[in-house]
Structure formats: C-alpha cells, structure tokens
N, C-alpha and C. Protein backbone atom coordinates (compact mmCIF):
# COMPACT_ATOMS: atom_id res chain seq x y z
N MET A 1 -14.40 -23.21 -11.74
CA MET A 1 -14.21 -22.38 -13.12
C MET A 1 -14.49 -23.22 -14.41
N GLY A 2 -14.50 -24.43 -14.17
CA GLY A 2 -14.91 -25.30 -15.71
C GLY A 2 -13.54 -25.60 -16.26
N GLU A 3 -13.84 -26.13 -17.38
CA GLU A 3 -12.83 -26.69 -18.28
C GLU A 3 -12.09 -25.62 -18.98
N PRO A 4 -10.92 -25.55 -19.28
CA PRO A 4 -10.19 -24.44 -20.12
C PRO A 4 -11.01 -24.39 -21.27
N GLY A 5 -11.21 -23.13 -21.74
CA GLY A 5 -12.04 -22.69 -22.84
C GLY A 5 -13.57 -22.61 -22.46
N GLY A 6 -13.89 -23.09 -21.29
CA GLY A 6 -15.26 -23.22 -20.98
C GLY A 6 -15.53 -21.95 -19.98
N GLU A 7 -16.66 -22.11 -19.43
CA GLU A 7 -17.21 -20.96 -18.66
C GLU A 7 -16.39 -20.52 -17.53
N GLY A 8 -16.02 -19.38 -17.04
CA GLY A 8 -15.17 -19.14 -15.93
C GLY A 8 -13.94 -18.64 -16.38
N PHE A 9 -13.53 -18.85 -17.68
CA PHE A 9 -12.33 -18.60 -18.27
C PHE A 9 -12.30 -17.41 -19.07
N LEU A 10 -11.27 -16.51 -19.06
CA LEU A 10 -11.41 -15.43 -20.13
C LEU A 10 -10.23 -15.41 -21.03
N GLN A 11 -10.44 -15.25 -22.33
CA GLN A 11 -9.37 -15.22 -23.15
C GLN A 11 -8.81 -13.65 -23.02
N ILE A 12 -7.49 -13.54 -23.41
CA ILE A 12 -6.67 -12.21 -23.26
C ILE A 12 -7.50 -11.04 -23.82
N GLY A 13 -8.15 -11.01 -24.81
CA GLY A 13 -8.93 -9.98 -25.26
C GLY A 13 -9.95 -9.39 -24.43
N HIS A 14 -10.60 -10.35 -23.63
CA HIS A 14 -11.78 -9.92 -22.60
C HIS A 14 -10.74 -9.28 -21.41
N VAL A 15 -9.79 -10.08 -20.99
CA VAL A 15 -8.88 -9.62 -19.96
C VAL A 15 -8.46 -8.10 -20.18
N ALA A 16 -8.00 -8.08 -21.36
CA ALA A 16 -7.59 -6.62 -21.71
C ALA A 16 -8.72 -5.61 -21.55
N GLU A 17 -9.83 -6.00 -22.04
CA GLU A 17 -10.95 -5.15 -21.77
C GLU A 17 -11.23 -4.68 -20.35
N ARG A 18 -11.43 -5.74 -19.70
CA ARG A 18 -11.72 -5.65 -18.19
C ARG A 18 -10.50 -4.91 -17.30
N THR A 19 -9.32 -5.09 -17.71
CA THR A 19 -8.36 -4.40 -16.93
C THR A 19 -7.87 -3.04 -17.53
N GLU A 20 -8.31 -2.77 -18.85
CA GLU A 20 -7.82 -1.47 -19.48
C GLU A 20 -6.37 -1.51 -19.84
N LEU A 21 -5.69 -2.81 -19.97
CA LEU A 21 -4.37 -2.82 -20.36
C LEU A 21 -4.45 -3.64 -21.65
N SER A 22 -3.37 -3.20 -22.45
CA SER A 22 -3.24 -3.75 -23.80
C SER A 22 -2.78 -5.36 -23.83
N ILE A 23 -3.27 -6.01 -24.76
CA ILE A 23 -2.75 -7.37 -24.99
C ILE A 23 -1.32 -7.54 -24.77
N LYS A 24 -0.57 -6.70 -25.54
CA LYS A 24 0.82 -6.49 -25.41
C LYS A 24 1.27 -6.54 -23.90
N THR A 25 0.91 -5.47 -23.21
CA THR A 25 1.30 -5.46 -21.86
C THR A 25 1.10 -6.60 -20.96
N ILE A 26 -0.20 -7.34 -21.15
CA ILE A 26 -0.74 -8.33 -20.42
C ILE A 26 0.35 -9.62 -20.77
N ARG A 27 0.72 -9.68 -22.16
CA ARG A 27 1.75 -10.66 -22.46
C ARG A 27 3.00 -10.51 -21.85
N HIS A 28 3.41 -9.16 -21.74
CA HIS A 28 4.66 -8.87 -21.12
C HIS A 28 4.69 -9.19 -19.67
N TYR A 29 3.63 -8.95 -19.06
CA TYR A 29 3.52 -9.29 -17.68
C TYR A 29 3.60 -10.70 -17.37
N ALA A 30 2.97 -11.63 -18.27
CA ALA A 30 3.12 -12.86 -18.31
C ALA A 30 4.79 -13.55 -18.45
N GLU A 31 5.39 -12.92 -19.40
CA GLU A 31 6.72 -13.22 -19.83
C GLU A 31 7.69 -12.76 -18.54
N VAL A 32 7.36 -11.89 -17.79
CA VAL A 32 8.25 -11.42 -16.64
C VAL A 32 7.69 -12.08 -15.43
N GLY A 33 6.60 -12.96 -15.49
CA GLY A 33 6.25 -13.74 -14.44
C GLY A 33 5.39 -12.97 -13.37
N LEU A 34 4.77 -11.99 -13.64
CA LEU A 34 3.78 -11.27 -12.82
C LEU A 34 2.49 -11.98 -12.75
N VAL A 35 2.10 -12.55 -13.91
CA VAL A 35 0.76 -13.06 -14.01
C VAL A 35 0.79 -14.09 -14.96
N THR A 36 0.61 -15.36 -14.56
CA THR A 36 0.63 -16.50 -15.40
C THR A 36 -0.77 -16.85 -15.76
N PRO A 37 -1.13 -17.14 -17.15
CA PRO A 37 -2.54 -17.54 -17.41
C PRO A 37 -2.88 -19.03 -16.58
N SER A 38 -3.83 -19.08 -16.27
CA SER A 38 -4.31 -20.20 -15.33
C SER A 38 -4.51 -21.44 -16.27
N ALA A 39 -4.80 -21.15 -17.38
CA ALA A 39 -4.89 -22.48 -18.32
C ALA A 39 -4.58 -21.90 -19.84
N ARG A 40 -4.72 -23.02 -20.69
CA ARG A 40 -4.75 -22.76 -22.02
C ARG A 40 -5.81 -23.61 -22.75
N SER A 41 -6.27 -22.95 -23.74
CA SER A 41 -7.52 -23.83 -24.36
C SER A 41 -6.81 -24.71 -25.55
N ALA A 42 -7.63 -25.56 -25.87
CA ALA A 42 -7.29 -26.53 -26.72
C ALA A 42 -6.53 -25.98 -28.09
N GLY A 43 -6.73 -24.72 -28.52
CA GLY A 43 -6.09 -24.05 -29.54
C GLY A 43 -4.74 -23.37 -29.11
N GLY A 44 -4.57 -23.38 -27.84
CA GLY A 44 -3.31 -22.87 -27.27
C GLY A 44 -3.52 -21.47 -26.91
N PHE A 45 -4.86 -20.92 -26.82
CA PHE A 45 -5.03 -19.42 -26.49
C PHE A 45 -4.67 -19.58 -24.76
N ARG A 46 -4.28 -18.34 -24.31
CA ARG A 46 -4.10 -18.13 -22.87
C ARG A 46 -5.34 -17.90 -22.42
N LEU A 47 -5.90 -18.48 -21.19
CA LEU A 47 -7.07 -18.34 -20.41
C LEU A 47 -6.81 -17.82 -19.08
N TYR A 48 -7.47 -16.90 -18.61
CA TYR A 48 -7.33 -16.33 -17.35
C TYR A 48 -8.63 -16.50 -16.52
N THR A 49 -8.37 -16.42 -15.12
CA THR A 49 -9.34 -16.59 -14.13
C THR A 49 -9.81 -15.13 -13.57
N THR A 50 -10.70 -15.07 -12.75
CA THR A 50 -10.93 -13.91 -12.04
C THR A 50 -9.73 -13.46 -11.16
N ALA A 51 -9.11 -14.59 -10.65
CA ALA A 51 -7.94 -14.22 -9.65
C ALA A 51 -6.81 -13.67 -10.43
N ASP A 52 -6.60 -14.09 -11.75
CA ASP A 52 -5.54 -13.59 -12.71
C ASP A 52 -5.89 -11.95 -12.89
N VAL A 53 -7.08 -11.76 -13.20
CA VAL A 53 -7.63 -10.31 -13.49
C VAL A 53 -7.42 -9.59 -12.41
N ASP A 54 -7.55 -10.00 -11.12
CA ASP A 54 -7.41 -9.33 -9.97
C ASP A 54 -5.86 -9.02 -9.62
N ARG A 55 -5.04 -9.89 -9.95
CA ARG A 55 -3.80 -9.49 -10.01
C ARG A 55 -3.13 -8.56 -11.08
N LEU A 56 -3.87 -8.54 -12.32
CA LEU A 56 -3.61 -7.61 -13.22
C LEU A 56 -4.03 -6.18 -12.76
N LEU A 57 -5.18 -6.11 -12.04
CA LEU A 57 -5.67 -4.77 -11.66
C LEU A 57 -4.68 -4.21 -10.53
N ILE A 58 -4.17 -5.17 -9.85
CA ILE A 58 -3.28 -4.71 -8.78
C ILE A 58 -1.97 -4.06 -9.37
N ILE A 59 -1.30 -4.83 -10.30
CA ILE A 59 -0.27 -4.27 -11.20
C ILE A 59 -0.73 -2.88 -11.97
N ARG A 60 -1.95 -2.84 -12.37
CA ARG A 60 -2.28 -1.65 -13.03
C ARG A 60 -2.47 -0.59 -12.18
N ARG A 61 -2.81 -0.64 -10.91
CA ARG A 61 -2.73 0.32 -9.85
C ARG A 61 -1.47 0.81 -9.49
N MET A 62 -0.48 -0.23 -9.44
CA MET A 62 0.72 0.18 -8.86
C MET A 62 1.63 0.91 -10.02
N LYS A 63 1.39 0.52 -11.14
CA LYS A 63 2.32 1.13 -12.39
C LYS A 63 2.45 2.79 -12.20
N PRO A 64 1.27 3.37 -12.21
CA PRO A 64 1.43 4.91 -12.34
C PRO A 64 2.18 5.40 -10.97
N LEU A 65 2.21 4.67 -9.87
CA LEU A 65 2.79 5.14 -8.68
C LEU A 65 4.25 4.89 -8.60
N GLY A 66 4.80 4.36 -9.86
CA GLY A 66 6.37 4.24 -9.82
C GLY A 66 6.99 2.84 -9.33
N PHE A 67 6.20 1.89 -8.96
CA PHE A 67 6.56 0.74 -8.47
C PHE A 67 7.38 -0.07 -9.67
N SER A 68 8.37 -0.61 -9.49
CA SER A 68 9.07 -1.51 -10.37
C SER A 68 8.26 -2.86 -10.61
N LEU A 69 8.64 -3.55 -11.68
CA LEU A 69 8.05 -4.96 -11.83
C LEU A 69 8.60 -5.74 -10.66
N ALA A 70 9.86 -5.74 -10.22
CA ALA A 70 10.20 -6.60 -9.11
C ALA A 70 9.40 -6.19 -7.84
N GLU A 71 9.17 -4.86 -7.54
CA GLU A 71 8.30 -4.52 -6.46
C GLU A 71 6.82 -5.04 -6.57
N MET A 72 6.45 -5.21 -7.88
CA MET A 72 5.09 -5.61 -8.02
C MET A 72 4.98 -6.88 -7.73
N LYS A 73 5.88 -7.87 -8.15
CA LYS A 73 5.93 -9.06 -7.88
C LYS A 73 6.32 -9.41 -6.31
N GLN A 74 7.03 -8.71 -5.77
CA GLN A 74 7.17 -8.81 -4.29
C GLN A 74 5.83 -8.51 -3.70
N LEU A 75 5.09 -7.66 -3.99
CA LEU A 75 3.79 -7.33 -3.29
C LEU A 75 2.83 -8.58 -3.66
N LEU A 76 2.56 -8.90 -4.87
CA LEU A 76 1.76 -10.04 -5.25
C LEU A 76 2.18 -11.21 -4.40
N ASP A 77 3.60 -11.23 -4.20
CA ASP A 77 3.90 -12.59 -3.47
C ASP A 77 3.62 -12.40 -2.01
N ALA A 78 3.70 -11.24 -1.54
CA ALA A 78 3.29 -10.76 -0.16
C ALA A 78 1.82 -11.15 0.19
N PHE A 79 1.11 -10.70 -0.92
CA PHE A 79 -0.55 -11.14 -0.62
C PHE A 79 -0.57 -12.69 -0.72
N GLN A 80 -0.08 -13.31 -1.45
CA GLN A 80 -0.03 -14.81 -1.49
C GLN A 80 0.26 -15.32 -0.21
N VAL A 81 1.40 -15.02 0.45
CA VAL A 81 1.85 -15.29 1.93
C VAL A 81 0.82 -15.12 2.94
N LEU A 82 0.14 -13.91 2.93
CA LEU A 82 -0.63 -13.44 3.72
C LEU A 82 -1.97 -14.43 3.62
N ASP A 83 -2.23 -14.83 2.52
CA ASP A 83 -3.52 -15.61 2.25
C ASP A 83 -3.15 -17.01 2.55
N ASP A 84 -2.05 -17.54 2.71
CA ASP A 84 -1.45 -18.94 3.01
C ASP A 84 -1.45 -19.38 4.36
N PRO A 85 -2.23 -20.07 4.67
CA PRO A 85 -2.11 -20.68 6.27
C PRO A 85 -1.07 -21.40 6.45
N THR A 86 -0.47 -21.92 5.60
CA THR A 86 0.88 -22.75 5.91
C THR A 86 2.02 -21.92 5.91
N ALA A 87 1.88 -20.58 5.69
CA ALA A 87 3.14 -19.87 5.73
C ALA A 87 3.46 -19.60 7.25
N THR A 88 5.00 -19.58 7.32
CA THR A 88 5.54 -19.45 8.66
C THR A 88 5.11 -17.89 9.11
N GLY A 89 5.43 -17.72 10.42
CA GLY A 89 5.11 -16.59 11.21
C GLY A 89 6.25 -15.55 10.69
N GLU A 90 7.21 -15.96 10.41
CA GLU A 90 8.43 -15.03 9.84
C GLU A 90 7.83 -14.60 8.24
N GLN A 91 7.37 -15.31 7.78
CA GLN A 91 6.96 -15.03 6.42
C GLN A 91 5.71 -14.12 6.51
N HIS A 92 5.10 -14.41 7.38
CA HIS A 92 3.87 -13.35 7.51
C HIS A 92 4.27 -11.89 7.94
N VAL A 93 5.27 -11.95 8.80
CA VAL A 93 5.86 -10.58 9.37
C VAL A 93 6.40 -9.82 7.98
N GLN A 94 7.34 -10.47 7.47
CA GLN A 94 7.97 -10.03 6.39
C GLN A 94 7.06 -9.42 5.18
N ALA A 95 5.94 -10.20 5.10
CA ALA A 95 4.90 -9.93 4.17
C ALA A 95 4.11 -8.46 4.53
N ARG A 96 3.99 -8.35 5.85
CA ARG A 96 3.21 -7.26 6.40
C ARG A 96 4.10 -6.11 6.26
N GLU A 97 5.36 -6.27 6.41
CA GLU A 97 6.34 -5.24 6.50
C GLU A 97 6.46 -4.59 5.11
N PHE A 98 6.49 -5.55 4.07
CA PHE A 98 6.51 -4.98 2.86
C PHE A 98 5.42 -4.24 2.49
N LEU A 99 4.22 -4.84 2.90
CA LEU A 99 2.88 -4.23 2.70
C LEU A 99 2.87 -2.76 3.23
N GLN A 100 3.33 -2.79 4.49
CA GLN A 100 3.46 -1.23 5.23
C GLN A 100 4.23 -0.37 4.34
N GLN A 101 5.36 -0.90 3.74
CA GLN A 101 6.21 0.01 2.96
C GLN A 101 5.53 0.40 1.62
N CYS A 102 4.82 -0.32 1.11
CA CYS A 102 3.99 0.00 -0.15
C CYS A 102 3.00 0.74 0.36
N ARG A 103 2.15 0.79 1.41
CA ARG A 103 1.15 1.59 1.66
C ARG A 103 1.63 3.20 1.85
N GLN A 104 2.73 3.19 2.48
CA GLN A 104 3.56 4.58 2.86
C GLN A 104 3.90 5.06 1.37
N ARG A 105 4.58 4.37 0.67
CA ARG A 105 4.97 4.90 -0.67
C ARG A 105 3.62 5.22 -1.50
N THR A 106 2.64 4.41 -1.41
CA THR A 106 1.31 4.84 -2.37
C THR A 106 0.78 6.07 -1.72
N ARG A 107 0.86 6.27 -0.52
CA ARG A 107 0.37 7.56 0.12
C ARG A 107 1.18 8.85 -0.43
N ASP A 108 2.41 8.61 -0.35
CA ASP A 108 3.35 9.58 -0.66
C ASP A 108 3.11 9.89 -2.31
N SER A 109 3.14 8.93 -3.08
CA SER A 109 2.85 9.02 -4.67
C SER A 109 1.47 9.74 -4.71
N ALA A 110 0.48 9.33 -4.08
CA ALA A 110 -0.87 9.90 -4.32
C ALA A 110 -0.73 11.60 -3.87
N GLU A 111 -0.11 11.81 -2.81
CA GLU A 111 0.05 13.29 -2.52
C GLU A 111 0.84 14.05 -3.60
N ARG A 112 1.86 13.58 -4.18
CA ARG A 112 2.65 13.98 -5.09
C ARG A 112 1.57 14.22 -6.37
N LEU A 113 0.96 13.14 -6.82
CA LEU A 113 -0.04 13.37 -7.90
C LEU A 113 -1.17 14.45 -7.71
N ARG A 114 -1.65 14.35 -6.57
CA ARG A 114 -2.47 15.53 -6.34
C ARG A 114 -1.93 16.90 -6.55
N ARG A 115 -0.73 16.87 -5.84
CA ARG A 115 -0.10 18.30 -6.17
C ARG A 115 0.20 18.56 -7.60
N HIS A 116 0.60 17.69 -8.34
CA HIS A 116 0.78 17.73 -9.89
C HIS A 116 -0.60 18.12 -10.57
N LEU A 117 -1.56 17.58 -10.17
CA LEU A 117 -2.96 17.75 -10.71
C LEU A 117 -3.41 19.17 -10.39
N ALA A 118 -3.15 19.70 -9.22
CA ALA A 118 -3.48 20.96 -8.90
C ALA A 118 -2.75 21.91 -9.75
N TYR A 119 -1.36 21.76 -10.13
CA TYR A 119 -0.54 22.57 -10.74
C TYR A 119 -0.98 22.51 -12.28
N ALA A 120 -1.41 21.47 -12.82
CA ALA A 120 -1.98 21.31 -13.98
C ALA A 120 -3.47 22.17 -14.23
N ALA A 121 -4.21 22.04 -13.05
CA ALA A 121 -5.48 22.82 -13.33
C ALA A 121 -5.07 24.29 -13.12
N GLU A 122 -4.11 24.67 -12.27
CA GLU A 122 -3.84 26.30 -12.24
C GLU A 122 -3.14 26.64 -13.32
N PHE A 123 -2.58 25.91 -14.05
CA PHE A 123 -1.91 26.11 -15.61
C PHE A 123 -3.19 26.22 -16.56
N GLY A 124 -3.94 25.50 -16.49
CA GLY A 124 -5.01 25.35 -17.25
C GLY A 124 -5.77 26.66 -17.28
N ASP A 125 -6.10 27.00 -15.80
CA ASP A 125 -6.73 28.36 -15.71
C ASP A 125 -6.04 29.56 -16.14
N LEU A 126 -4.86 29.57 -15.96
CA LEU A 126 -3.92 30.53 -16.55
C LEU A 126 -3.97 30.56 -18.04
N LEU A 127 -3.96 29.54 -18.74
CA LEU A 127 -4.17 29.57 -20.23
C LEU A 127 -5.40 29.84 -20.51
N ASP A 128 -6.48 29.62 -19.92
CA ASP A 128 -7.79 29.97 -20.13
C ASP A 128 -8.02 31.63 -20.06
N THR A 129 -7.38 32.26 -19.11
CA THR A 129 -7.48 33.54 -18.95
C THR A 129 -6.68 34.32 -19.86
N ARG A 130 -5.49 33.78 -20.21
CA ARG A 130 -4.71 34.46 -21.36
C ARG A 130 -5.44 34.34 -22.70
N ALA A 131 -6.03 33.32 -22.90
CA ALA A 131 -6.71 32.86 -24.29
C ALA A 131 -7.81 33.95 -24.46
N HIS A 132 -8.42 34.54 -23.30
CA HIS A 132 -9.56 35.37 -23.51
C HIS A 132 -9.32 36.92 -23.25
N THR A 133 -7.91 36.98 -23.19
CA THR A 133 -7.67 38.55 -23.19
C THR A 133 -6.98 39.34 -24.26
C-alpha cells in the first residue's frame, strides 16, 4: 500500500466519494469502532485502504436493511473470522451461523422493500391518472 499519505491510501474525502457516505458518517463509524482508518498522514489526516473502503461499502449496504451498528460490527467480525486461518472451528461455525441469519434477514428486507416500491409505483400511477382528469 505504501507509506501513509502515499499511494494506496485515501483521505476521507475520497472515501466519501467512493462510498457515497458523508464524511460525518464515516467519522461516526470510526468513533463507534466499525471502521478504523489504517493510517494517519504526517498532518494527522485519516488514511484509508481499499479494505477499509470495502468495510464501509458493506456497512452502507446493511444500513437501509435495518441492521443495527452492533449487528454490522458482528457481521464484519464474522467475515474476519472466516478469513482467519487461525480461527477455531467453533469460531467458524458461529460466524457462518450469523452470516446465515444475515442472509435470511436481507432476503426478508429486500422482499419488503420490493413490495414498498411496488406500492409507491401504484400510488404514482394513481396520482398521474388523477392529475390528468
């Protein structure tokens, strides 16, 4: 990745652009321990790696589905366990179980959102029809 402030690190503004999250939101996620900047520049600026951006993208995807910050942290931790060859078999089992719970909840949330989107489209059609009568 290079030296802090060098190539391979992104400042928070660039991370905000890539993730479509506000700088304030990214800072909040750092404060609550969801994403920690990988480095700091000589001037004290937060510096992020591609892996940090990937974590933020996971969080961004979970947020509209109603996952809490604690659940987001638990899922990110589960991903780390699954990627860790030194994790125990029991840790892998627990991580996979939580991942399965998140998959089901995501499917349920996606179905609910599809239904709400259909209601919005129907309502829009009704308003269009009424506006032209």
